[in-house]
Amino acid sequence: MPSSECDLVPAFEALLCTSETFRSRRLTDALDGGGVLVLLCFAFNPIAENWWKRYEYADRDVLDVPVVGVSRDGPCAQNAFLCYLDSALRTFSDTDGEATRSFDLLTDREAMAGTSTARRAVFVVDGTGTVTHRWIADDWVSPVPREDIEAAVAAL
Protein backbone atom coordinates (compact mmCIF):
# COMPACT_ATOMS: atom_id res chain seq x y z
CA MET A 1 0.00 0.00 0.00
CA PRO A 2 1.50 3.37 -0.98
CA SER A 3 2.18 5.78 1.85
CA SER A 4 -1.08 7.21 3.14
CA GLU A 5 -1.63 10.49 4.85
CA CYS A 6 -0.27 10.36 8.42
CA ASP A 7 2.29 7.66 7.48
CA LEU A 8 5.98 8.40 7.61
CA VAL A 9 7.44 8.74 4.13
CA PRO A 10 9.60 5.70 3.29
CA ALA A 11 13.28 6.25 3.97
CA PHE A 12 15.61 5.74 1.05
CA GLU A 13 18.99 6.83 -0.21
CA ALA A 14 19.81 7.25 -3.89
CA LEU A 15 21.77 9.50 -6.24
CA LEU A 16 20.34 13.02 -6.14
CA CYS A 17 20.84 14.85 -9.44
CA THR A 18 21.17 18.64 -9.62
CA SER A 19 21.68 19.11 -13.40
CA GLU A 20 25.44 19.36 -12.81
CA THR A 21 26.32 16.70 -10.26
CA PHE A 22 24.89 13.66 -8.54
CA ARG A 23 25.62 12.46 -5.04
CA SER A 24 24.12 9.87 -2.75
CA ARG A 25 21.59 11.57 -0.47
CA ARG A 26 18.80 10.51 1.84
CA LEU A 27 15.27 11.63 1.04
CA THR A 28 14.90 13.28 4.44
CA ASP A 29 18.00 15.41 3.81
CA ALA A 30 16.80 16.43 0.33
CA LEU A 31 13.41 17.55 1.64
CA ASP A 32 15.16 19.57 4.36
CA GLY A 33 12.31 19.81 6.84
CA GLY A 34 9.42 19.10 4.46
CA GLY A 35 8.51 19.45 0.83
CA VAL A 36 6.99 17.82 -2.21
CA LEU A 37 8.09 14.47 -3.61
CA VAL A 38 7.12 13.72 -7.22
CA LEU A 39 7.37 10.18 -8.63
CA LEU A 40 7.46 10.15 -12.41
CA CYS A 41 8.48 7.87 -15.23
CA PHE A 42 10.97 8.62 -18.00
CA ALA A 43 12.97 11.80 -18.56
CA PHE A 44 12.51 13.48 -21.92
CA ASN A 45 8.98 12.18 -22.45
CA PRO A 46 6.27 14.84 -22.96
CA ILE A 47 4.38 13.94 -19.79
CA ALA A 48 7.46 14.25 -17.57
CA GLU A 49 8.43 17.47 -19.30
CA ASN A 50 4.99 19.02 -18.80
CA TRP A 51 4.83 17.84 -15.19
CA TRP A 52 8.27 19.13 -14.34
CA LYS A 53 7.69 22.53 -15.93
CA ARG A 54 4.59 22.92 -13.76
CA TYR A 55 6.66 22.28 -10.63
CA GLU A 56 9.42 24.58 -11.82
CA TYR A 57 6.95 27.45 -12.10
CA ALA A 58 5.07 26.50 -8.92
CA ASP A 59 8.31 26.23 -6.95
CA ARG A 60 9.15 29.81 -7.85
CA ASP A 61 5.66 31.21 -7.39
CA VAL A 62 3.78 29.33 -4.71
CA LEU A 63 5.27 26.24 -3.12
CA ASP A 64 8.21 27.77 -1.23
CA VAL A 65 9.40 24.27 -0.18
CA PRO A 66 11.81 21.85 -1.81
CA VAL A 67 10.37 19.89 -4.72
CA VAL A 68 12.24 16.66 -5.44
CA GLY A 69 11.57 14.04 -8.11
CA VAL A 70 12.18 10.30 -8.33
CA SER A 71 12.67 8.62 -11.71
CA ARG A 72 14.12 5.31 -12.92
CA ASP A 73 16.47 7.13 -15.31
CA GLY A 74 20.21 7.06 -14.70
CA PRO A 75 21.95 10.10 -13.21
CA CYS A 76 23.43 11.32 -16.50
CA ALA A 77 20.00 11.24 -18.19
CA GLN A 78 18.46 12.99 -15.17
CA ASN A 79 21.08 15.74 -15.27
CA ALA A 80 20.68 16.15 -19.04
CA PHE A 81 16.90 16.41 -18.60
CA LEU A 82 17.23 19.05 -15.88
CA CYS A 83 19.70 20.99 -18.08
CA TYR A 84 17.33 20.70 -21.05
CA LEU A 85 14.55 22.17 -18.90
CA ASP A 86 16.94 24.76 -17.42
CA SER A 87 15.63 23.63 -14.05
CA ALA A 88 17.02 24.19 -10.58
CA LEU A 89 14.87 21.33 -9.24
CA ARG A 90 16.48 18.04 -8.23
CA THR A 91 15.66 14.39 -8.95
CA PHE A 92 16.66 11.09 -7.44
CA SER A 93 18.02 8.50 -9.86
CA ASP A 94 16.21 5.29 -8.91
CA THR A 95 17.86 2.95 -11.41
CA ASP A 96 17.31 -0.17 -9.31
CA GLY A 97 13.71 0.75 -8.46
CA GLU A 98 14.28 0.48 -4.70
CA ALA A 99 13.05 3.99 -3.89
CA THR A 100 9.92 3.50 -5.96
CA ARG A 101 9.42 0.02 -4.52
CA SER A 102 9.56 1.49 -0.98
CA PHE A 103 6.37 3.40 -1.88
CA ASP A 104 4.83 0.24 -3.42
CA LEU A 105 4.44 2.16 -6.69
CA LEU A 106 6.73 0.19 -9.01
CA THR A 107 4.64 -1.14 -11.88
CA ASP A 108 5.32 -3.00 -15.11
CA ARG A 109 4.62 -1.04 -18.26
CA GLU A 110 2.40 -2.74 -20.82
CA ALA A 111 4.00 -3.28 -24.22
CA MET A 112 7.43 -2.33 -22.82
CA ALA A 113 8.89 -5.80 -22.24
CA GLY A 114 10.50 -6.03 -18.83
CA THR A 115 10.29 -2.30 -18.11
CA SER A 116 8.92 -1.03 -14.82
CA THR A 117 8.49 2.54 -13.66
CA ALA A 118 6.79 4.41 -10.87
CA ARG A 119 3.11 5.05 -10.98
CA ARG A 120 2.86 8.82 -11.16
CA ALA A 121 2.36 10.22 -7.67
CA VAL A 122 2.88 13.28 -5.52
CA PHE A 123 3.47 13.34 -1.76
CA VAL A 124 3.53 16.41 0.46
CA VAL A 125 5.74 15.70 3.47
CA ASP A 126 6.05 17.77 6.65
CA GLY A 127 9.19 18.43 8.70
CA THR A 128 8.78 15.20 10.68
CA GLY A 129 8.67 13.08 7.51
CA THR A 130 4.92 12.52 7.77
CA VAL A 131 2.86 12.42 4.58
CA THR A 132 0.26 15.19 4.88
CA HIS A 133 -1.19 14.79 1.38
CA ARG A 134 -0.86 12.28 -1.42
CA TRP A 135 -2.09 11.94 -4.98
CA ILE A 136 -1.60 8.80 -7.05
CA ALA A 137 -2.58 8.81 -10.71
CA ASP A 138 -4.95 6.19 -12.07
CA ASP A 139 -3.42 6.54 -15.54
CA TRP A 140 -0.35 7.92 -17.31
CA VAL A 141 -1.78 11.23 -18.54
CA SER A 142 -4.06 12.81 -15.91
CA PRO A 143 -2.89 16.21 -14.71
CA VAL A 144 -1.80 16.65 -11.12
CA PRO A 145 -4.41 18.50 -9.04
CA ARG A 146 -2.07 21.42 -8.53
CA GLU A 147 -4.46 23.42 -6.35
CA ASP A 148 -4.72 20.50 -3.88
CA ILE A 149 -0.92 20.23 -3.72
CA GLU A 150 -0.58 23.98 -3.18
CA ALA A 151 -3.18 23.89 -0.38
CA ALA A 152 -1.39 20.99 1.31
CA VAL A 153 1.92 22.85 1.13
CA ALA A 154 0.31 26.01 2.53
CA ALA A 155 -0.92 23.96 5.51
CA LEU A 156 2.60 22.75 6.39
C-alpha atoms as a PDB file:
ATOM      1  CA  MET A   1       0.000   0.000   0.000  1.00  0.00           C
ATOM      2  CA  PRO A   2       1.498   3.368  -0.977  1.00  0.00           C
ATOM      3  CA  SER A   3       2.176   5.775   1.851  1.00  0.00           C
ATOM      4  CA  SER A   4      -1.077   7.208   3.144  1.00  0.00           C
ATOM      5  CA  GLU A   5      -1.626  10.485   4.855  1.00  0.00           C
ATOM      6  CA  CYS A   6      -0.271  10.363   8.424  1.00  0.00           C
ATOM      7  CA  ASP A   7       2.291   7.662   7.483  1.00  0.00           C
ATOM      8  CA  LEU A   8       5.984   8.400   7.608  1.00  0.00           C
ATOM      9  CA  VAL A   9       7.442   8.743   4.129  1.00  0.00           C
ATOM     10  CA  PRO A  10       9.602   5.695   3.294  1.00  0.00           C
ATOM     11  CA  ALA A  11      13.279   6.247   3.971  1.00  0.00           C
ATOM     12  CA  PHE A  12      15.606   5.737   1.054  1.00  0.00           C
ATOM     13  CA  GLU A  13      18.988   6.833  -0.207  1.00  0.00           C
ATOM     14  CA  ALA A  14      19.806   7.254  -3.887  1.00  0.00           C
ATOM     15  CA  LEU A  15      21.766   9.497  -6.236  1.00  0.00           C
ATOM     16  CA  LEU A  16      20.338  13.021  -6.140  1.00  0.00           C
ATOM     17  CA  CYS A  17      20.840  14.854  -9.441  1.00  0.00           C
ATOM     18  CA  THR A  18      21.167  18.644  -9.617  1.00  0.00           C
ATOM     19  CA  SER A  19      21.678  19.107 -13.395  1.00  0.00           C
ATOM     20  CA  GLU A  20      25.444  19.356 -12.815  1.00  0.00           C
ATOM     21  CA  THR A  21      26.320  16.700 -10.256  1.00  0.00           C
ATOM     22  CA  PHE A  22      24.890  13.658  -8.538  1.00  0.00           C
ATOM     23  CA  ARG A  23      25.622  12.459  -5.042  1.00  0.00           C
ATOM     24  CA  SER A  24      24.121   9.875  -2.751  1.00  0.00           C
ATOM     25  CA  ARG A  25      21.587  11.571  -0.466  1.00  0.00           C
ATOM     26  CA  ARG A  26      18.796  10.513   1.841  1.00  0.00           C
ATOM     27  CA  LEU A  27      15.271  11.634   1.043  1.00  0.00           C
ATOM     28  CA  THR A  28      14.905  13.281   4.441  1.00  0.00           C
ATOM     29  CA  ASP A  29      17.999  15.412   3.805  1.00  0.00           C
ATOM     30  CA  ALA A  30      16.803  16.427   0.333  1.00  0.00           C
ATOM     31  CA  LEU A  31      13.412  17.550   1.640  1.00  0.00           C
ATOM     32  CA  ASP A  32      15.160  19.570   4.359  1.00  0.00           C
ATOM     33  CA  GLY A  33      12.310  19.812   6.837  1.00  0.00           C
ATOM     34  CA  GLY A  34       9.420  19.105   4.462  1.00  0.00           C
ATOM     35  CA  GLY A  35       8.514  19.445   0.828  1.00  0.00           C
ATOM     36  CA  VAL A  36       6.990  17.823  -2.212  1.00  0.00           C
ATOM     37  CA  LEU A  37       8.092  14.474  -3.611  1.00  0.00           C
ATOM     38  CA  VAL A  38       7.116  13.720  -7.218  1.00  0.00           C
ATOM     39  CA  LEU A  39       7.374  10.184  -8.629  1.00  0.00           C
ATOM     40  CA  LEU A  40       7.458  10.147 -12.412  1.00  0.00           C
ATOM     41  CA  CYS A  41       8.477   7.867 -15.234  1.00  0.00           C
ATOM     42  CA  PHE A  42      10.966   8.624 -17.998  1.00  0.00           C
ATOM     43  CA  ALA A  43      12.973  11.803 -18.556  1.00  0.00           C
ATOM     44  CA  PHE A  44      12.508  13.480 -21.923  1.00  0.00           C
ATOM     45  CA  ASN A  45       8.975  12.184 -22.446  1.00  0.00           C
ATOM     46  CA  PRO A  46       6.273  14.838 -22.963  1.00  0.00           C
ATOM     47  CA  ILE A  47       4.376  13.940 -19.791  1.00  0.00           C
ATOM     48  CA  ALA A  48       7.458  14.248 -17.567  1.00  0.00           C
ATOM     49  CA  GLU A  49       8.431  17.473 -19.303  1.00  0.00           C
ATOM     50  CA  ASN A  50       4.993  19.024 -18.798  1.00  0.00           C
ATOM     51  CA  TRP A  51       4.833  17.844 -15.191  1.00  0.00           C
ATOM     52  CA  TRP A  52       8.270  19.129 -14.342  1.00  0.00           C
ATOM     53  CA  LYS A  53       7.687  22.530 -15.928  1.00  0.00           C
ATOM     54  CA  ARG A  54       4.586  22.924 -13.757  1.00  0.00           C
ATOM     55  CA  TYR A  55       6.664  22.283 -10.629  1.00  0.00           C
ATOM     56  CA  GLU A  56       9.416  24.578 -11.817  1.00  0.00           C
ATOM     57  CA  TYR A  57       6.946  27.446 -12.102  1.00  0.00           C
ATOM     58  CA  ALA A  58       5.074  26.497  -8.921  1.00  0.00           C
ATOM     59  CA  ASP A  59       8.309  26.225  -6.948  1.00  0.00           C
ATOM     60  CA  ARG A  60       9.150  29.810  -7.855  1.00  0.00           C
ATOM     61  CA  ASP A  61       5.658  31.215  -7.391  1.00  0.00           C
ATOM     62  CA  VAL A  62       3.777  29.327  -4.707  1.00  0.00           C
ATOM     63  CA  LEU A  63       5.266  26.244  -3.123  1.00  0.00           C
ATOM     64  CA  ASP A  64       8.208  27.765  -1.227  1.00  0.00           C
ATOM     65  CA  VAL A  65       9.395  24.274  -0.184  1.00  0.00           C
ATOM     66  CA  PRO A  66      11.812  21.850  -1.805  1.00  0.00           C
ATOM     67  CA  VAL A  67      10.366  19.886  -4.722  1.00  0.00           C
ATOM     68  CA  VAL A  68      12.240  16.659  -5.444  1.00  0.00           C
ATOM     69  CA  GLY A  69      11.566  14.044  -8.113  1.00  0.00           C
ATOM     70  CA  VAL A  70      12.180  10.298  -8.333  1.00  0.00           C
ATOM     71  CA  SER A  71      12.669   8.616 -11.708  1.00  0.00           C
ATOM     72  CA  ARG A  72      14.117   5.314 -12.915  1.00  0.00           C
ATOM     73  CA  ASP A  73      16.467   7.125 -15.311  1.00  0.00           C
ATOM     74  CA  GLY A  74      20.209   7.061 -14.698  1.00  0.00           C
ATOM     75  CA  PRO A  75      21.946  10.100 -13.207  1.00  0.00           C
ATOM     76  CA  CYS A  76      23.431  11.318 -16.500  1.00  0.00           C
ATOM     77  CA  ALA A  77      20.003  11.236 -18.189  1.00  0.00           C
ATOM     78  CA  GLN A  78      18.458  12.992 -15.174  1.00  0.00           C
ATOM     79  CA  ASN A  79      21.076  15.742 -15.269  1.00  0.00           C
ATOM     80  CA  ALA A  80      20.683  16.150 -19.042  1.00  0.00           C
ATOM     81  CA  PHE A  81      16.903  16.411 -18.603  1.00  0.00           C
ATOM     82  CA  LEU A  82      17.231  19.055 -15.880  1.00  0.00           C
ATOM     83  CA  CYS A  83      19.695  20.989 -18.079  1.00  0.00           C
ATOM     84  CA  TYR A  84      17.329  20.696 -21.050  1.00  0.00           C
ATOM     85  CA  LEU A  85      14.546  22.171 -18.901  1.00  0.00           C
ATOM     86  CA  ASP A  86      16.942  24.760 -17.424  1.00  0.00           C
ATOM     87  CA  SER A  87      15.625  23.633 -14.045  1.00  0.00           C
ATOM     88  CA  ALA A  88      17.016  24.193 -10.575  1.00  0.00           C
ATOM     89  CA  LEU A  89      14.872  21.329  -9.242  1.00  0.00           C
ATOM     90  CA  ARG A  90      16.477  18.037  -8.229  1.00  0.00           C
ATOM     91  CA  THR A  91      15.664  14.393  -8.952  1.00  0.00           C
ATOM     92  CA  PHE A  92      16.660  11.086  -7.444  1.00  0.00           C
ATOM     93  CA  SER A  93      18.016   8.495  -9.855  1.00  0.00           C
ATOM     94  CA  ASP A  94      16.211   5.286  -8.909  1.00  0.00           C
ATOM     95  CA  THR A  95      17.855   2.945 -11.415  1.00  0.00           C
ATOM     96  CA  ASP A  96      17.312  -0.168  -9.306  1.00  0.00           C
ATOM     97  CA  GLY A  97      13.711   0.752  -8.460  1.00  0.00           C
ATOM     98  CA  GLU A  98      14.280   0.477  -4.703  1.00  0.00           C
ATOM     99  CA  ALA A  99      13.052   3.992  -3.889  1.00  0.00           C
ATOM    100  CA  THR A 100       9.920   3.502  -5.965  1.00  0.00           C
ATOM    101  CA  ARG A 101       9.416   0.022  -4.518  1.00  0.00           C
ATOM    102  CA  SER A 102       9.557   1.492  -0.983  1.00  0.00           C
ATOM    103  CA  PHE A 103       6.368   3.396  -1.883  1.00  0.00           C
ATOM    104  CA  ASP A 104       4.833   0.243  -3.422  1.00  0.00           C
ATOM    105  CA  LEU A 105       4.442   2.164  -6.691  1.00  0.00           C
ATOM    106  CA  LEU A 106       6.729   0.194  -9.009  1.00  0.00           C
ATOM    107  CA  THR A 107       4.638  -1.139 -11.880  1.00  0.00           C
ATOM    108  CA  ASP A 108       5.316  -3.001 -15.111  1.00  0.00           C
ATOM    109  CA  ARG A 109       4.621  -1.038 -18.265  1.00  0.00           C
ATOM    110  CA  GLU A 110       2.401  -2.738 -20.820  1.00  0.00           C
ATOM    111  CA  ALA A 111       4.004  -3.276 -24.223  1.00  0.00           C
ATOM    112  CA  MET A 112       7.427  -2.331 -22.818  1.00  0.00           C
ATOM    113  CA  ALA A 113       8.887  -5.797 -22.239  1.00  0.00           C
ATOM    114  CA  GLY A 114      10.498  -6.034 -18.826  1.00  0.00           C
ATOM    115  CA  THR A 115      10.287  -2.297 -18.109  1.00  0.00           C
ATOM    116  CA  SER A 116       8.924  -1.033 -14.818  1.00  0.00           C
ATOM    117  CA  THR A 117       8.490   2.538 -13.658  1.00  0.00           C
ATOM    118  CA  ALA A 118       6.791   4.405 -10.867  1.00  0.00           C
ATOM    119  CA  ARG A 119       3.107   5.048 -10.982  1.00  0.00           C
ATOM    120  CA  ARG A 120       2.861   8.816 -11.161  1.00  0.00           C
ATOM    121  CA  ALA A 121       2.362  10.220  -7.673  1.00  0.00           C
ATOM    122  CA  VAL A 122       2.881  13.284  -5.518  1.00  0.00           C
ATOM    123  CA  PHE A 123       3.467  13.338  -1.762  1.00  0.00           C
ATOM    124  CA  VAL A 124       3.533  16.407   0.461  1.00  0.00           C
ATOM    125  CA  VAL A 125       5.741  15.705   3.474  1.00  0.00           C
ATOM    126  CA  ASP A 126       6.048  17.772   6.649  1.00  0.00           C
ATOM    127  CA  GLY A 127       9.187  18.434   8.704  1.00  0.00           C
ATOM    128  CA  THR A 128       8.785  15.199  10.681  1.00  0.00           C
ATOM    129  CA  GLY A 129       8.673  13.079   7.512  1.00  0.00           C
ATOM    130  CA  THR A 130       4.917  12.523   7.773  1.00  0.00           C
ATOM    131  CA  VAL A 131       2.865  12.425   4.577  1.00  0.00           C
ATOM    132  CA  THR A 132       0.264  15.191   4.877  1.00  0.00           C
ATOM    133  CA  HIS A 133      -1.185  14.794   1.384  1.00  0.00           C
ATOM    134  CA  ARG A 134      -0.859  12.283  -1.422  1.00  0.00           C
ATOM    135  CA  TRP A 135      -2.093  11.938  -4.978  1.00  0.00           C
ATOM    136  CA  ILE A 136      -1.596   8.797  -7.047  1.00  0.00           C
ATOM    137  CA  ALA A 137      -2.585   8.809 -10.711  1.00  0.00           C
ATOM    138  CA  ASP A 138      -4.946   6.186 -12.066  1.00  0.00           C
ATOM    139  CA  ASP A 139      -3.421   6.540 -15.536  1.00  0.00           C
ATOM    140  CA  TRP A 140      -0.353   7.920 -17.312  1.00  0.00           C
ATOM    141  CA  VAL A 141      -1.778  11.235 -18.540  1.00  0.00           C
ATOM    142  CA  SER A 142      -4.062  12.810 -15.907  1.00  0.00           C
ATOM    143  CA  PRO A 143      -2.894  16.213 -14.706  1.00  0.00           C
ATOM    144  CA  VAL A 144      -1.805  16.652 -11.118  1.00  0.00           C
ATOM    145  CA  PRO A 145      -4.412  18.499  -9.038  1.00  0.00           C
ATOM    146  CA  ARG A 146      -2.068  21.421  -8.530  1.00  0.00           C
ATOM    147  CA  GLU A 147      -4.465  23.416  -6.346  1.00  0.00           C
ATOM    148  CA  ASP A 148      -4.717  20.498  -3.884  1.00  0.00           C
ATOM    149  CA  ILE A 149      -0.923  20.229  -3.718  1.00  0.00           C
ATOM    150  CA  GLU A 150      -0.576  23.975  -3.175  1.00  0.00           C
ATOM    151  CA  ALA A 151      -3.185  23.889  -0.384  1.00  0.00           C
ATOM    152  CA  ALA A 152      -1.388  20.987   1.309  1.00  0.00           C
ATOM    153  CA  VAL A 153       1.918  22.852   1.129  1.00  0.00           C
ATOM    154  CA  ALA A 154       0.308  26.013   2.530  1.00  0.00           C
ATOM    155  CA  ALA A 155      -0.925  23.955   5.508  1.00  0.00           C
ATOM    156  CA  LEU A 156       2.599  22.745   6.388  1.00  0.00           C
END
